[in-house]
Amino acid sequence: MKPWLIFGAGKGIGRHLAAIGLKQNRPVTALIRNEQQAAELSAVGVNVIFGDACDHESIETAIANAGENPVVFSTIGGGNSDHHGNIAIIDALEKSQISRMLLVTSIGCGESWKTLSQRAKSLFGQSVRHKSLAESYLQTSTLNFTIIRPGGLTDQPGTGNCQRYQDEIHGMVSRIDVAEQLAQMADDEQTYYQIYALVDPELKPHWN
C-alpha cells in the first residue's frame, strides 16, 4: 500500500485521516509541531517528524522519511500556513519529484469567492484568500492534485452521506466524513486535477 504523508495530522480532519491510514495498515508519516499531539500520534503508530509545516527543512525531513512516492495530504490552516506553509510543501514535493497531493481548503476559495456572504467575507475572508493563493500555486505545479473545499465543519459523528460537488454549493459536513472522502480519493486517478466541494446535504448545524 502506498505510504501517506500528512501535514496537519495533529487535530481535526488530519487526525481522522491518520487513523484511517493506520486502520488500513499503511505507513503514515506526519509532520507535527505540538509536542502533545506528536506524542499521541507516535503512541498509536504514526511515524512522527517533529517540526513546522512552514519550515523548509522540516518539510524536507518529513518527505525523506515518508517512504517511496507517498500520497501527500495537507489539511493545515491558520496564520501563515494557509499560504506560505502550503506553498513551501508544494515546492518541496516538486523538488523531490513526488507526484500526488490532496489539498484541503474551504468553500469560498477561488471562483467560489463570490458565493460568500459579506458577513462570511468579513469573518474569515482573509484566510480564504490565502487558501486561494495556495490553490492557484498547486494548480500551476507539476503535481497530480485534487483540491477539496469542505463546507462548514463540525465534529458531529460521520454520517456517510457526504457528497462531492463541482458546482457552487454551501452546507455543513463532519470532519470525519471529509477524512473518509480524502482516503477514497487518494489513489483515484479520476479525481486528478479536480476541485470538489464537500457537503452533507442531510447535516444541519448542531447547537448545544
N, C-alpha and C. Protein backbone atom coordinates (compact mmCIF):
# COMPACT_ATOMS: atom_id res chain seq x y z
N MET A 1 0.84 -1.20 0.00
CA MET A 1 0.00 0.00 0.00
C MET A 1 0.88 1.25 0.00
N LYS A 2 0.43 2.25 -0.75
CA LYS A 2 1.22 3.47 -0.81
C LYS A 2 1.27 4.15 0.56
N PRO A 3 2.43 4.65 0.95
CA PRO A 3 2.50 5.39 2.21
C PRO A 3 1.80 6.74 2.09
N TRP A 4 1.36 7.24 3.22
CA TRP A 4 0.74 8.56 3.29
C TRP A 4 1.64 9.50 4.08
N LEU A 5 1.70 10.74 3.64
CA LEU A 5 2.37 11.81 4.37
C LEU A 5 1.33 12.90 4.61
N ILE A 6 1.08 13.20 5.88
CA ILE A 6 0.02 14.14 6.24
C ILE A 6 0.61 15.37 6.92
N PHE A 7 0.30 16.52 6.38
CA PHE A 7 0.59 17.80 7.02
C PHE A 7 -0.71 18.30 7.63
N GLY A 8 -0.73 18.42 8.97
CA GLY A 8 -1.95 18.82 9.66
C GLY A 8 -2.63 17.68 10.38
N ALA A 9 -1.88 16.63 10.73
CA ALA A 9 -2.47 15.45 11.36
C ALA A 9 -2.68 15.60 12.85
N GLY A 10 -2.30 16.75 13.40
CA GLY A 10 -2.40 16.91 14.85
C GLY A 10 -3.81 16.94 15.38
N LYS A 11 -4.75 17.38 14.54
CA LYS A 11 -6.13 17.50 15.00
C LYS A 11 -7.07 17.49 13.80
N GLY A 12 -8.36 17.47 14.09
CA GLY A 12 -9.38 17.62 13.06
C GLY A 12 -9.31 16.60 11.94
N ILE A 13 -9.48 17.08 10.71
CA ILE A 13 -9.52 16.21 9.54
C ILE A 13 -8.25 15.38 9.43
N GLY A 14 -7.11 16.02 9.63
CA GLY A 14 -5.84 15.32 9.51
C GLY A 14 -5.68 14.19 10.52
N ARG A 15 -6.16 14.40 11.73
CA ARG A 15 -6.09 13.35 12.76
C ARG A 15 -6.98 12.16 12.36
N HIS A 16 -8.19 12.46 11.90
CA HIS A 16 -9.07 11.37 11.43
C HIS A 16 -8.45 10.62 10.26
N LEU A 17 -7.81 11.36 9.37
CA LEU A 17 -7.18 10.74 8.20
C LEU A 17 -6.05 9.81 8.62
N ALA A 18 -5.24 10.23 9.58
CA ALA A 18 -4.16 9.38 10.08
C ALA A 18 -4.72 8.08 10.64
N ALA A 19 -5.84 8.18 11.37
CA ALA A 19 -6.46 6.98 11.94
C ALA A 19 -6.94 6.03 10.85
N ILE A 20 -7.48 6.59 9.78
CA ILE A 20 -7.94 5.76 8.65
C ILE A 20 -6.75 5.04 8.02
N GLY A 21 -5.66 5.77 7.80
CA GLY A 21 -4.48 5.16 7.22
C GLY A 21 -3.94 4.02 8.07
N LEU A 22 -3.89 4.23 9.37
CA LEU A 22 -3.40 3.18 10.27
C LEU A 22 -4.32 1.96 10.24
N LYS A 23 -5.62 2.22 10.19
CA LYS A 23 -6.59 1.11 10.13
C LYS A 23 -6.41 0.29 8.86
N GLN A 24 -5.95 0.94 7.80
CA GLN A 24 -5.68 0.24 6.54
C GLN A 24 -4.31 -0.44 6.53
N ASN A 25 -3.60 -0.32 7.65
CA ASN A 25 -2.27 -0.91 7.79
C ASN A 25 -1.26 -0.35 6.79
N ARG A 26 -1.41 0.95 6.47
CA ARG A 26 -0.44 1.57 5.58
C ARG A 26 0.51 2.45 6.40
N PRO A 27 1.73 2.67 5.93
CA PRO A 27 2.65 3.56 6.63
C PRO A 27 2.12 5.00 6.59
N VAL A 28 2.05 5.63 7.75
CA VAL A 28 1.57 7.01 7.86
C VAL A 28 2.64 7.85 8.55
N THR A 29 3.06 8.91 7.87
CA THR A 29 4.03 9.85 8.43
C THR A 29 3.35 11.20 8.59
N ALA A 30 3.67 11.90 9.66
CA ALA A 30 3.06 13.21 9.91
C ALA A 30 4.11 14.17 10.45
N LEU A 31 4.05 15.41 9.95
CA LEU A 31 4.90 16.48 10.47
C LEU A 31 4.09 17.23 11.53
N ILE A 32 4.59 17.23 12.75
CA ILE A 32 3.85 17.79 13.89
C ILE A 32 4.73 18.75 14.67
N ARG A 33 4.18 19.91 15.06
CA ARG A 33 4.97 20.85 15.86
C ARG A 33 4.52 20.91 17.32
N ASN A 34 3.35 20.34 17.64
CA ASN A 34 2.84 20.32 19.00
C ASN A 34 3.32 19.05 19.70
N GLU A 35 4.00 19.21 20.82
CA GLU A 35 4.63 18.06 21.48
C GLU A 35 3.60 17.02 21.94
N GLN A 36 2.49 17.48 22.51
CA GLN A 36 1.47 16.54 23.00
C GLN A 36 0.85 15.76 21.83
N GLN A 37 0.53 16.47 20.76
CA GLN A 37 -0.03 15.80 19.59
C GLN A 37 0.97 14.82 18.99
N ALA A 38 2.23 15.22 18.97
CA ALA A 38 3.28 14.33 18.45
C ALA A 38 3.34 13.04 19.27
N ALA A 39 3.28 13.18 20.58
CA ALA A 39 3.35 12.00 21.45
C ALA A 39 2.14 11.10 21.25
N GLU A 40 0.96 11.69 21.12
CA GLU A 40 -0.27 10.91 20.93
C GLU A 40 -0.23 10.13 19.62
N LEU A 41 0.20 10.78 18.55
CA LEU A 41 0.25 10.11 17.26
C LEU A 41 1.32 9.03 17.22
N SER A 42 2.46 9.32 17.82
CA SER A 42 3.53 8.34 17.87
C SER A 42 3.09 7.08 18.62
N ALA A 43 2.31 7.28 19.68
CA ALA A 43 1.86 6.17 20.51
C ALA A 43 0.95 5.21 19.76
N VAL A 44 0.23 5.71 18.74
CA VAL A 44 -0.68 4.83 18.00
C VAL A 44 -0.07 4.30 16.71
N GLY A 45 1.18 4.66 16.44
CA GLY A 45 1.87 4.06 15.30
C GLY A 45 2.19 4.96 14.13
N VAL A 46 1.93 6.27 14.27
CA VAL A 46 2.29 7.21 13.21
C VAL A 46 3.78 7.51 13.29
N ASN A 47 4.43 7.57 12.15
CA ASN A 47 5.83 7.96 12.07
C ASN A 47 5.88 9.49 12.17
N VAL A 48 6.15 10.00 13.34
CA VAL A 48 6.07 11.44 13.59
C VAL A 48 7.41 12.12 13.36
N ILE A 49 7.37 13.18 12.56
CA ILE A 49 8.53 14.05 12.38
C ILE A 49 8.19 15.36 13.09
N PHE A 50 9.03 15.74 14.04
CA PHE A 50 8.75 16.94 14.83
C PHE A 50 9.28 18.16 14.08
N GLY A 51 8.38 19.09 13.77
CA GLY A 51 8.79 20.28 13.03
C GLY A 51 7.59 21.11 12.62
N ASP A 52 7.85 22.13 11.83
CA ASP A 52 6.85 23.12 11.44
C ASP A 52 6.61 23.05 9.93
N ALA A 53 5.33 23.09 9.54
CA ALA A 53 4.97 23.00 8.13
C ALA A 53 5.30 24.26 7.34
N CYS A 54 5.76 25.30 8.01
CA CYS A 54 6.22 26.50 7.31
C CYS A 54 7.74 26.52 7.18
N ASP A 55 8.40 25.48 7.69
CA ASP A 55 9.86 25.42 7.69
C ASP A 55 10.33 24.44 6.63
N HIS A 56 11.10 24.92 5.67
CA HIS A 56 11.54 24.09 4.55
C HIS A 56 12.31 22.86 5.00
N GLU A 57 13.18 23.01 5.97
CA GLU A 57 13.99 21.87 6.42
C GLU A 57 13.12 20.79 7.05
N SER A 58 12.12 21.21 7.85
CA SER A 58 11.20 20.25 8.46
C SER A 58 10.42 19.49 7.40
N ILE A 59 9.95 20.21 6.40
CA ILE A 59 9.18 19.58 5.32
C ILE A 59 10.03 18.56 4.59
N GLU A 60 11.27 18.93 4.27
CA GLU A 60 12.15 18.02 3.54
C GLU A 60 12.48 16.78 4.37
N THR A 61 12.62 16.94 5.68
CA THR A 61 12.87 15.80 6.57
C THR A 61 11.67 14.86 6.56
N ALA A 62 10.46 15.44 6.62
CA ALA A 62 9.25 14.61 6.60
C ALA A 62 9.16 13.82 5.29
N ILE A 63 9.44 14.48 4.18
CA ILE A 63 9.38 13.81 2.87
C ILE A 63 10.41 12.67 2.81
N ALA A 64 11.60 12.94 3.30
CA ALA A 64 12.66 11.94 3.26
C ALA A 64 12.34 10.70 4.09
N ASN A 65 11.47 10.86 5.08
CA ASN A 65 11.15 9.75 5.99
C ASN A 65 9.78 9.13 5.73
N ALA A 66 9.13 9.55 4.64
CA ALA A 66 7.75 9.11 4.41
C ALA A 66 7.63 7.88 3.52
N GLY A 67 8.72 7.39 3.00
CA GLY A 67 8.65 6.24 2.10
C GLY A 67 8.66 6.67 0.65
N GLU A 68 8.59 5.70 -0.25
CA GLU A 68 8.72 5.97 -1.68
C GLU A 68 7.45 6.55 -2.27
N ASN A 69 7.58 7.72 -2.87
CA ASN A 69 6.49 8.41 -3.58
C ASN A 69 5.16 8.34 -2.81
N PRO A 70 5.11 8.93 -1.63
CA PRO A 70 3.87 8.87 -0.84
C PRO A 70 2.76 9.71 -1.44
N VAL A 71 1.53 9.39 -1.07
CA VAL A 71 0.40 10.29 -1.30
C VAL A 71 0.46 11.35 -0.20
N VAL A 72 0.40 12.61 -0.59
CA VAL A 72 0.58 13.70 0.37
C VAL A 72 -0.74 14.44 0.55
N PHE A 73 -1.08 14.68 1.81
CA PHE A 73 -2.28 15.44 2.16
C PHE A 73 -1.87 16.67 2.96
N SER A 74 -2.50 17.79 2.67
CA SER A 74 -2.33 18.96 3.53
C SER A 74 -3.68 19.45 4.01
N THR A 75 -3.85 19.43 5.33
CA THR A 75 -5.07 19.95 5.95
C THR A 75 -4.73 21.14 6.85
N ILE A 76 -3.52 21.68 6.66
CA ILE A 76 -3.08 22.76 7.55
C ILE A 76 -3.87 24.04 7.28
N GLY A 77 -3.93 24.88 8.29
CA GLY A 77 -4.64 26.15 8.12
C GLY A 77 -4.38 27.06 9.30
N GLY A 78 -4.61 28.34 9.07
CA GLY A 78 -4.42 29.32 10.12
C GLY A 78 -3.08 30.03 10.00
N GLY A 79 -3.12 31.34 10.09
CA GLY A 79 -1.89 32.12 10.05
C GLY A 79 -1.16 31.96 8.73
N ASN A 80 0.16 31.83 8.82
CA ASN A 80 0.99 31.72 7.63
C ASN A 80 0.84 30.39 6.90
N SER A 81 0.32 29.38 7.60
CA SER A 81 0.29 28.05 6.98
C SER A 81 -0.67 27.98 5.80
N ASP A 82 -1.76 28.76 5.83
CA ASP A 82 -2.71 28.75 4.72
C ASP A 82 -2.03 29.01 3.39
N HIS A 83 -1.11 29.93 3.40
CA HIS A 83 -0.45 30.39 2.18
C HIS A 83 0.98 29.89 2.13
N HIS A 84 1.82 30.42 3.02
CA HIS A 84 3.26 30.13 2.97
C HIS A 84 3.57 28.66 3.26
N GLY A 85 2.85 28.07 4.20
CA GLY A 85 3.10 26.67 4.52
C GLY A 85 2.80 25.75 3.36
N ASN A 86 1.63 25.93 2.76
CA ASN A 86 1.26 25.06 1.64
C ASN A 86 2.17 25.27 0.43
N ILE A 87 2.56 26.50 0.18
CA ILE A 87 3.46 26.76 -0.94
C ILE A 87 4.83 26.12 -0.70
N ALA A 88 5.31 26.18 0.54
CA ALA A 88 6.58 25.52 0.88
C ALA A 88 6.47 24.01 0.68
N ILE A 89 5.34 23.43 1.04
CA ILE A 89 5.13 21.99 0.86
C ILE A 89 5.13 21.65 -0.63
N ILE A 90 4.41 22.41 -1.43
CA ILE A 90 4.33 22.16 -2.87
C ILE A 90 5.72 22.24 -3.50
N ASP A 91 6.48 23.26 -3.14
CA ASP A 91 7.85 23.41 -3.66
C ASP A 91 8.70 22.19 -3.32
N ALA A 92 8.61 21.74 -2.08
CA ALA A 92 9.42 20.60 -1.64
C ALA A 92 9.01 19.31 -2.34
N LEU A 93 7.72 19.13 -2.58
CA LEU A 93 7.25 17.93 -3.27
C LEU A 93 7.74 17.91 -4.72
N GLU A 94 7.68 19.06 -5.38
CA GLU A 94 8.19 19.13 -6.75
C GLU A 94 9.68 18.82 -6.79
N LYS A 95 10.41 19.38 -5.85
CA LYS A 95 11.85 19.15 -5.77
C LYS A 95 12.16 17.67 -5.58
N SER A 96 11.32 16.99 -4.82
CA SER A 96 11.54 15.57 -4.53
C SER A 96 10.90 14.65 -5.57
N GLN A 97 10.26 15.25 -6.57
CA GLN A 97 9.59 14.51 -7.66
C GLN A 97 8.50 13.58 -7.14
N ILE A 98 7.80 14.05 -6.11
CA ILE A 98 6.61 13.35 -5.63
C ILE A 98 5.43 13.80 -6.47
N SER A 99 4.54 12.89 -6.79
CA SER A 99 3.55 13.18 -7.83
C SER A 99 2.15 13.52 -7.34
N ARG A 100 1.78 13.15 -6.12
CA ARG A 100 0.36 13.23 -5.74
C ARG A 100 0.14 14.05 -4.49
N MET A 101 -0.76 15.04 -4.57
CA MET A 101 -1.09 15.86 -3.41
C MET A 101 -2.57 16.18 -3.38
N LEU A 102 -3.16 16.07 -2.21
CA LEU A 102 -4.55 16.47 -1.97
C LEU A 102 -4.53 17.62 -0.97
N LEU A 103 -5.13 18.73 -1.35
CA LEU A 103 -5.10 19.95 -0.54
C LEU A 103 -6.51 20.27 -0.05
N VAL A 104 -6.65 20.43 1.25
CA VAL A 104 -7.94 20.81 1.84
C VAL A 104 -7.95 22.31 2.09
N THR A 105 -8.92 23.00 1.48
CA THR A 105 -9.06 24.44 1.68
C THR A 105 -10.44 24.71 2.28
N SER A 106 -11.29 25.44 1.60
CA SER A 106 -12.65 25.66 2.11
C SER A 106 -13.54 26.19 1.00
N ILE A 107 -14.83 25.98 1.17
CA ILE A 107 -15.79 26.61 0.28
C ILE A 107 -15.59 28.12 0.37
N GLY A 108 -15.65 28.77 -0.77
CA GLY A 108 -15.39 30.21 -0.84
C GLY A 108 -14.07 30.53 -1.49
N CYS A 109 -13.22 29.50 -1.65
CA CYS A 109 -11.92 29.72 -2.30
C CYS A 109 -12.09 29.82 -3.81
N GLY A 110 -11.10 30.44 -4.44
CA GLY A 110 -11.08 30.52 -5.89
C GLY A 110 -12.33 31.17 -6.46
N GLU A 111 -12.88 30.52 -7.48
CA GLU A 111 -14.03 31.09 -8.17
C GLU A 111 -15.30 31.08 -7.33
N SER A 112 -15.29 30.35 -6.20
CA SER A 112 -16.49 30.32 -5.35
C SER A 112 -16.52 31.47 -4.34
N TRP A 113 -15.51 32.35 -4.40
CA TRP A 113 -15.47 33.53 -3.51
C TRP A 113 -16.76 34.34 -3.59
N LYS A 114 -17.27 34.48 -4.79
CA LYS A 114 -18.45 35.33 -5.00
C LYS A 114 -19.70 34.77 -4.32
N THR A 115 -19.67 33.50 -3.91
CA THR A 115 -20.83 32.92 -3.26
C THR A 115 -20.86 33.19 -1.76
N LEU A 116 -19.77 33.72 -1.21
CA LEU A 116 -19.74 34.01 0.22
C LEU A 116 -20.52 35.28 0.52
N SER A 117 -21.19 35.25 1.67
CA SER A 117 -21.89 36.45 2.11
C SER A 117 -20.88 37.49 2.58
N GLN A 118 -21.31 38.74 2.66
CA GLN A 118 -20.43 39.79 3.16
C GLN A 118 -19.99 39.50 4.59
N ARG A 119 -20.87 38.92 5.37
CA ARG A 119 -20.53 38.58 6.76
C ARG A 119 -19.42 37.52 6.78
N ALA A 120 -19.56 36.50 5.92
CA ALA A 120 -18.54 35.46 5.86
C ALA A 120 -17.20 36.04 5.41
N LYS A 121 -17.25 36.94 4.42
CA LYS A 121 -16.02 37.55 3.95
C LYS A 121 -15.34 38.36 5.05
N SER A 122 -16.15 39.03 5.87
CA SER A 122 -15.57 39.85 6.94
C SER A 122 -15.03 38.98 8.07
N LEU A 123 -15.64 37.81 8.29
CA LEU A 123 -15.23 36.94 9.40
C LEU A 123 -13.99 36.12 9.07
N PHE A 124 -13.96 35.49 7.90
CA PHE A 124 -12.83 34.62 7.57
C PHE A 124 -12.35 34.79 6.14
N GLY A 125 -12.67 35.92 5.55
CA GLY A 125 -12.28 36.16 4.17
C GLY A 125 -10.78 36.17 3.95
N GLN A 126 -10.02 36.70 4.92
CA GLN A 126 -8.56 36.76 4.75
C GLN A 126 -7.96 35.37 4.65
N SER A 127 -8.46 34.46 5.49
CA SER A 127 -7.98 33.08 5.43
C SER A 127 -8.34 32.43 4.09
N VAL A 128 -9.56 32.70 3.61
CA VAL A 128 -10.00 32.14 2.33
C VAL A 128 -9.13 32.66 1.19
N ARG A 129 -8.77 33.93 1.25
CA ARG A 129 -7.91 34.50 0.21
C ARG A 129 -6.54 33.82 0.20
N HIS A 130 -5.98 33.59 1.39
CA HIS A 130 -4.69 32.91 1.48
C HIS A 130 -4.78 31.47 0.97
N LYS A 131 -5.86 30.78 1.32
CA LYS A 131 -6.05 29.42 0.83
C LYS A 131 -6.18 29.41 -0.70
N SER A 132 -6.83 30.45 -1.24
CA SER A 132 -6.98 30.55 -2.69
C SER A 132 -5.63 30.69 -3.38
N LEU A 133 -4.71 31.42 -2.76
CA LEU A 133 -3.36 31.54 -3.31
C LEU A 133 -2.67 30.18 -3.35
N ALA A 134 -2.85 29.40 -2.29
CA ALA A 134 -2.26 28.05 -2.25
C ALA A 134 -2.88 27.17 -3.34
N GLU A 135 -4.19 27.28 -3.53
CA GLU A 135 -4.86 26.51 -4.59
C GLU A 135 -4.26 26.83 -5.95
N SER A 136 -4.12 28.12 -6.22
CA SER A 136 -3.59 28.55 -7.52
C SER A 136 -2.17 28.04 -7.73
N TYR A 137 -1.37 28.09 -6.67
CA TYR A 137 0.02 27.61 -6.76
C TYR A 137 0.05 26.12 -7.06
N LEU A 138 -0.83 25.37 -6.41
CA LEU A 138 -0.89 23.92 -6.64
C LEU A 138 -1.35 23.62 -8.06
N GLN A 139 -2.34 24.35 -8.54
CA GLN A 139 -2.88 24.12 -9.88
C GLN A 139 -1.84 24.37 -10.98
N THR A 140 -0.88 25.22 -10.69
CA THR A 140 0.16 25.52 -11.69
C THR A 140 1.45 24.75 -11.42
N SER A 141 1.38 23.75 -10.54
CA SER A 141 2.54 22.92 -10.24
C SER A 141 2.56 21.70 -11.17
N THR A 142 3.55 20.84 -10.95
CA THR A 142 3.66 19.59 -11.73
C THR A 142 2.94 18.43 -11.05
N LEU A 143 2.29 18.67 -9.91
CA LEU A 143 1.69 17.60 -9.12
C LEU A 143 0.33 17.16 -9.67
N ASN A 144 0.02 15.89 -9.46
CA ASN A 144 -1.32 15.38 -9.72
C ASN A 144 -2.18 15.76 -8.51
N PHE A 145 -2.86 16.86 -8.62
CA PHE A 145 -3.53 17.42 -7.44
C PHE A 145 -5.02 17.12 -7.42
N THR A 146 -5.57 17.16 -6.21
CA THR A 146 -7.00 17.28 -6.00
C THR A 146 -7.20 18.33 -4.92
N ILE A 147 -8.09 19.26 -5.17
CA ILE A 147 -8.41 20.31 -4.19
C ILE A 147 -9.78 20.02 -3.60
N ILE A 148 -9.86 20.03 -2.28
CA ILE A 148 -11.08 19.70 -1.57
C ILE A 148 -11.52 20.91 -0.76
N ARG A 149 -12.74 21.37 -1.01
CA ARG A 149 -13.30 22.53 -0.31
C ARG A 149 -14.48 22.09 0.54
N PRO A 150 -14.25 21.76 1.82
CA PRO A 150 -15.36 21.36 2.67
C PRO A 150 -16.27 22.55 2.98
N GLY A 151 -17.52 22.23 3.29
CA GLY A 151 -18.43 23.24 3.80
C GLY A 151 -18.11 23.55 5.25
N GLY A 152 -19.07 24.07 5.98
CA GLY A 152 -18.88 24.35 7.40
C GLY A 152 -18.59 23.07 8.16
N LEU A 153 -17.47 23.05 8.88
CA LEU A 153 -17.01 21.82 9.51
C LEU A 153 -17.59 21.64 10.91
N THR A 154 -17.97 20.41 11.21
CA THR A 154 -18.46 20.08 12.54
C THR A 154 -17.72 18.84 13.06
N ASP A 155 -17.82 18.62 14.37
CA ASP A 155 -17.26 17.42 14.98
C ASP A 155 -18.35 16.38 15.25
N GLN A 156 -19.48 16.53 14.59
CA GLN A 156 -20.53 15.53 14.71
C GLN A 156 -20.05 14.20 14.13
N PRO A 157 -20.63 13.09 14.57
CA PRO A 157 -20.22 11.79 14.01
C PRO A 157 -20.42 11.76 12.50
N GLY A 158 -19.61 10.96 11.84
CA GLY A 158 -19.75 10.80 10.40
C GLY A 158 -21.08 10.15 10.06
N THR A 159 -21.67 10.58 8.95
CA THR A 159 -22.96 10.04 8.51
C THR A 159 -22.81 9.15 7.28
N GLY A 160 -21.70 9.33 6.55
CA GLY A 160 -21.54 8.61 5.30
C GLY A 160 -22.33 9.21 4.15
N ASN A 161 -22.98 10.36 4.41
CA ASN A 161 -23.81 10.99 3.39
C ASN A 161 -23.10 12.15 2.67
N CYS A 162 -21.85 12.37 2.99
CA CYS A 162 -21.11 13.47 2.37
C CYS A 162 -21.06 13.28 0.85
N GLN A 163 -21.30 14.36 0.12
CA GLN A 163 -21.32 14.32 -1.33
C GLN A 163 -20.26 15.25 -1.91
N ARG A 164 -19.73 14.87 -3.08
CA ARG A 164 -18.81 15.74 -3.81
C ARG A 164 -19.59 16.54 -4.84
N TYR A 165 -19.30 17.83 -4.90
CA TYR A 165 -19.96 18.70 -5.87
C TYR A 165 -18.90 19.47 -6.66
N GLN A 166 -19.19 19.71 -7.90
CA GLN A 166 -18.31 20.54 -8.72
C GLN A 166 -19.04 21.78 -9.21
N ASP A 167 -20.03 22.18 -8.43
CA ASP A 167 -20.70 23.46 -8.67
C ASP A 167 -20.76 24.20 -7.35
N GLU A 168 -21.32 25.38 -7.37
CA GLU A 168 -21.31 26.23 -6.18
C GLU A 168 -22.40 25.79 -5.22
N ILE A 169 -21.96 25.43 -4.00
CA ILE A 169 -22.90 24.93 -3.01
C ILE A 169 -22.38 25.27 -1.63
N HIS A 170 -23.29 25.42 -0.68
CA HIS A 170 -22.91 25.66 0.71
C HIS A 170 -23.63 24.65 1.59
N GLY A 171 -23.07 24.41 2.77
CA GLY A 171 -23.67 23.46 3.69
C GLY A 171 -22.69 23.06 4.76
N MET A 172 -23.02 21.99 5.48
CA MET A 172 -22.21 21.50 6.58
C MET A 172 -21.65 20.13 6.23
N VAL A 173 -20.58 19.76 6.94
CA VAL A 173 -20.01 18.43 6.78
C VAL A 173 -19.17 18.11 8.00
N SER A 174 -19.17 16.85 8.42
CA SER A 174 -18.36 16.47 9.58
C SER A 174 -16.92 16.23 9.15
N ARG A 175 -16.01 16.54 10.05
CA ARG A 175 -14.59 16.37 9.76
C ARG A 175 -14.25 14.92 9.42
N ILE A 176 -14.87 13.99 10.11
CA ILE A 176 -14.54 12.58 9.86
C ILE A 176 -15.00 12.15 8.47
N ASP A 177 -16.12 12.69 7.99
CA ASP A 177 -16.57 12.35 6.64
C ASP A 177 -15.65 12.96 5.58
N VAL A 178 -15.10 14.15 5.85
CA VAL A 178 -14.12 14.73 4.93
C VAL A 178 -12.89 13.82 4.85
N ALA A 179 -12.44 13.34 6.00
CA ALA A 179 -11.28 12.43 6.03
C ALA A 179 -11.57 11.16 5.23
N GLU A 180 -12.76 10.62 5.37
CA GLU A 180 -13.13 9.42 4.62
C GLU A 180 -13.09 9.69 3.11
N GLN A 181 -13.58 10.86 2.70
CA GLN A 181 -13.54 11.21 1.29
C GLN A 181 -12.10 11.35 0.78
N LEU A 182 -11.25 11.95 1.59
CA LEU A 182 -9.84 12.08 1.21
C LEU A 182 -9.21 10.71 1.00
N ALA A 183 -9.49 9.79 1.90
CA ALA A 183 -8.94 8.44 1.78
C ALA A 183 -9.42 7.77 0.50
N GLN A 184 -10.69 7.98 0.13
CA GLN A 184 -11.23 7.39 -1.08
C GLN A 184 -10.60 7.99 -2.34
N MET A 185 -10.27 9.28 -2.28
CA MET A 185 -9.73 9.96 -3.46
C MET A 185 -8.22 9.79 -3.62
N ALA A 186 -7.56 9.32 -2.57
CA ALA A 186 -6.09 9.29 -2.55
C ALA A 186 -5.48 8.69 -3.80
N ASP A 187 -5.96 7.53 -4.21
CA ASP A 187 -5.37 6.82 -5.36
C ASP A 187 -6.31 6.79 -6.57
N ASP A 188 -7.34 7.59 -6.54
CA ASP A 188 -8.34 7.58 -7.61
C ASP A 188 -7.93 8.56 -8.72
N GLU A 189 -7.46 8.02 -9.83
CA GLU A 189 -6.98 8.88 -10.91
C GLU A 189 -8.08 9.75 -11.51
N GLN A 190 -9.34 9.35 -11.34
CA GLN A 190 -10.44 10.16 -11.85
C GLN A 190 -10.57 11.49 -11.10
N THR A 191 -9.96 11.57 -9.93
CA THR A 191 -10.02 12.82 -9.16
C THR A 191 -8.82 13.72 -9.40
N TYR A 192 -7.87 13.27 -10.25
CA TYR A 192 -6.69 14.10 -10.54
C TYR A 192 -7.15 15.39 -11.23
N TYR A 193 -6.53 16.48 -10.84
CA TYR A 193 -6.77 17.80 -11.45
C TYR A 193 -8.22 18.26 -11.30
N GLN A 194 -8.86 17.82 -10.23
CA GLN A 194 -10.25 18.19 -9.98
C GLN A 194 -10.37 18.99 -8.68
N ILE A 195 -11.43 19.78 -8.61
CA ILE A 195 -11.77 20.54 -7.40
C ILE A 195 -13.16 20.13 -6.98
N TYR A 196 -13.30 19.74 -5.71
CA TYR A 196 -14.59 19.30 -5.19
C TYR A 196 -14.98 20.09 -3.94
N ALA A 197 -16.24 20.51 -3.91
CA ALA A 197 -16.83 20.97 -2.66
C ALA A 197 -17.43 19.75 -1.96
N LEU A 198 -17.25 19.66 -0.66
CA LEU A 198 -17.80 18.55 0.11
C LEU A 198 -18.86 19.07 1.08
N VAL A 199 -20.06 18.55 0.94
CA VAL A 199 -21.18 18.95 1.78
C VAL A 199 -22.03 17.72 2.08
N ASP A 200 -22.54 17.64 3.28
CA ASP A 200 -23.51 16.61 3.65
C ASP A 200 -24.89 17.23 3.55
N PRO A 201 -25.68 16.90 2.53
CA PRO A 201 -26.96 17.57 2.34
C PRO A 201 -27.96 17.33 3.45
N GLU A 202 -27.71 16.30 4.26
CA GLU A 202 -28.65 15.98 5.34
C GLU A 202 -28.22 16.54 6.69
N LEU A 203 -27.03 17.14 6.73
CA LEU A 203 -26.49 17.60 8.01
C LEU A 203 -26.86 19.05 8.25
N LYS A 204 -27.42 19.30 9.41
CA LYS A 204 -27.80 20.64 9.82
C LYS A 204 -26.89 21.07 10.97
N PRO A 205 -26.70 22.38 11.13
CA PRO A 205 -25.86 22.85 12.24
C PRO A 205 -26.37 22.32 13.58
N HIS A 206 -25.43 21.90 14.41
CA HIS A 206 -25.79 21.35 15.72
C HIS A 206 -25.40 22.35 16.80
N TRP A 207 -26.37 22.83 17.51
CA TRP A 207 -26.09 23.82 18.56
C TRP A 207 -26.33 23.19 19.91
N ASN A 208 -25.38 23.39 20.82
CA ASN A 208 -25.53 22.86 22.19
C ASN A 208 -26.52 23.69 22.99
